[in-house]
């Protein structure tokens, strides 16, 4: 990490224990932000398929902005000596199910059972 000290840039080392805690926190936030971004992407595609192209594009643009932030999280994780990991939760799978249901209802089909 770099600090500015009266116009000079200095590099300092973070303790290994602190780095591990930072990596875990950054990974947690990167995972959550990635999930949220993917939901926005999916919702944007659903809106576009329903004829709401401007609204769909807004959601997709928001997805792109969020993914730029995710890249910064992963850059920092790697700066600290960590590895970028993909950790999944159930939020994206749930959004896919809901999106499928909405499309099926529109087409006159019965949606699958969602827990």
Protein backbone atom coordinates (compact mmCIF):
# COMPACT_ATOMS: atom_id res chain seq x y z
CA UNK A 1 0.00 0.00 0.00
CA UNK A 2 1.16 3.52 -0.67
CA UNK A 3 0.86 6.67 1.40
CA UNK A 4 1.65 10.22 0.50
CA UNK A 5 3.89 11.84 3.11
CA UNK A 6 4.43 15.52 2.27
CA UNK A 7 4.47 14.86 -1.45
CA UNK A 8 6.56 11.68 -1.24
CA UNK A 9 5.14 8.26 -1.89
CA UNK A 10 6.19 5.58 0.57
CA UNK A 11 5.54 1.88 0.51
CA UNK A 12 4.94 0.07 3.75
CA UNK A 13 4.28 -3.55 4.59
CA UNK A 14 1.13 -4.70 6.29
CA UNK A 15 1.50 -7.36 8.94
CA UNK A 16 0.65 -10.80 7.60
CA UNK A 17 -2.17 -11.27 10.12
CA UNK A 18 -3.70 -7.92 9.17
CA UNK A 19 -3.32 -8.71 5.48
CA UNK A 20 -5.26 -11.97 5.90
CA UNK A 21 -8.09 -10.14 7.67
CA UNK A 22 -8.13 -7.50 4.95
CA UNK A 23 -8.18 -10.15 2.22
CA UNK A 24 -11.13 -11.93 3.88
CA UNK A 25 -13.08 -8.68 4.21
CA UNK A 26 -12.33 -7.65 0.63
CA UNK A 27 -13.30 -11.11 -0.63
CA UNK A 28 -16.60 -10.92 1.27
CA UNK A 29 -17.47 -7.55 -0.26
CA UNK A 30 -16.28 -8.54 -3.74
CA UNK A 31 -18.47 -11.65 -3.65
CA UNK A 32 -21.54 -9.71 -2.55
CA UNK A 33 -20.97 -6.99 -5.12
CA UNK A 34 -20.45 -9.56 -7.87
CA UNK A 35 -23.72 -11.25 -6.99
CA UNK A 36 -25.58 -7.96 -7.01
CA UNK A 37 -24.04 -7.04 -10.34
CA UNK A 38 -25.05 -10.35 -11.90
CA UNK A 39 -28.61 -9.85 -10.70
CA UNK A 40 -28.63 -6.41 -12.35
CA UNK A 41 -27.32 -7.91 -15.59
CA UNK A 42 -29.98 -10.60 -15.57
CA UNK A 43 -32.74 -8.14 -14.75
CA UNK A 44 -31.54 -5.87 -17.55
CA UNK A 45 -31.76 -8.73 -20.02
CA UNK A 46 -35.24 -9.61 -18.78
CA UNK A 47 -36.38 -6.00 -19.19
CA UNK A 48 -34.96 -5.89 -22.72
CA UNK A 49 -36.74 -9.14 -23.64
CA UNK A 50 -40.01 -7.62 -22.37
CA UNK A 51 -39.58 -4.60 -24.64
CA UNK A 52 -38.18 -2.16 -22.07
CA UNK A 53 -34.89 -1.61 -23.88
CA UNK A 54 -33.90 1.68 -22.18
CA UNK A 55 -34.61 0.34 -18.70
CA UNK A 56 -32.79 -2.88 -19.55
CA UNK A 57 -29.76 -0.96 -20.77
CA UNK A 58 -29.71 1.10 -17.54
CA UNK A 59 -29.51 -2.11 -15.52
CA UNK A 60 -26.78 -3.51 -17.75
CA UNK A 61 -24.80 -0.26 -17.47
CA UNK A 62 -25.13 -0.48 -13.70
CA UNK A 63 -23.79 -4.04 -13.90
CA UNK A 64 -20.72 -2.75 -15.78
CA UNK A 65 -20.09 -0.04 -13.15
CA UNK A 66 -20.33 -2.57 -10.34
CA UNK A 67 -17.95 -4.95 -12.07
CA UNK A 68 -15.38 -2.15 -12.36
CA UNK A 69 -15.57 -1.81 -8.57
CA UNK A 70 -15.18 -5.58 -8.19
CA UNK A 71 -11.99 -5.40 -10.26
CA UNK A 72 -10.59 -2.85 -7.80
CA UNK A 73 -11.38 -5.16 -4.89
CA UNK A 74 -9.59 -8.04 -6.59
CA UNK A 75 -6.62 -5.84 -7.51
CA UNK A 76 -6.25 -4.94 -3.84
CA UNK A 77 -6.60 -8.59 -2.77
CA UNK A 78 -3.75 -9.53 -5.10
CA UNK A 79 -1.67 -6.55 -3.91
CA UNK A 80 -1.95 -8.00 -0.42
CA UNK A 81 -0.72 -11.39 -1.64
CA UNK A 82 -4.11 -13.07 -1.82
CA UNK A 83 -5.82 -14.91 -4.65
CA UNK A 84 -9.02 -13.92 -6.36
CA UNK A 85 -11.62 -16.56 -5.52
CA UNK A 86 -15.11 -17.07 -6.78
CA UNK A 87 -17.46 -17.66 -3.90
CA UNK A 88 -21.08 -18.22 -4.68
CA UNK A 89 -24.16 -17.71 -2.64
CA UNK A 90 -27.75 -18.47 -3.55
CA UNK A 91 -28.85 -14.98 -4.58
CA UNK A 92 -27.99 -15.33 -8.26
CA UNK A 93 -29.65 -18.75 -8.55
CA UNK A 94 -32.79 -17.32 -6.94
CA UNK A 95 -32.81 -14.39 -9.39
CA UNK A 96 -32.50 -16.81 -12.30
CA UNK A 97 -35.51 -18.74 -11.02
CA UNK A 98 -37.58 -15.58 -10.57
CA UNK A 99 -36.58 -14.32 -14.03
CA UNK A 100 -37.56 -17.65 -15.55
CA UNK A 101 -40.92 -17.54 -13.78
CA UNK A 102 -41.68 -14.04 -15.05
CA UNK A 103 -40.87 -15.05 -18.61
CA UNK A 104 -42.91 -18.26 -18.34
CA UNK A 105 -45.94 -16.39 -16.98
CA UNK A 106 -45.69 -13.92 -19.87
CA UNK A 107 -45.64 -16.83 -22.33
CA UNK A 108 -48.62 -18.48 -20.61
CA UNK A 109 -46.71 -21.40 -19.06
CA UNK A 110 -46.81 -22.55 -15.46
CA UNK A 111 -43.62 -21.52 -13.64
CA UNK A 112 -41.58 -24.10 -11.75
CA UNK A 113 -41.93 -24.36 -7.99
CA UNK A 114 -39.56 -21.99 -6.16
CA UNK A 115 -38.61 -22.54 -2.55
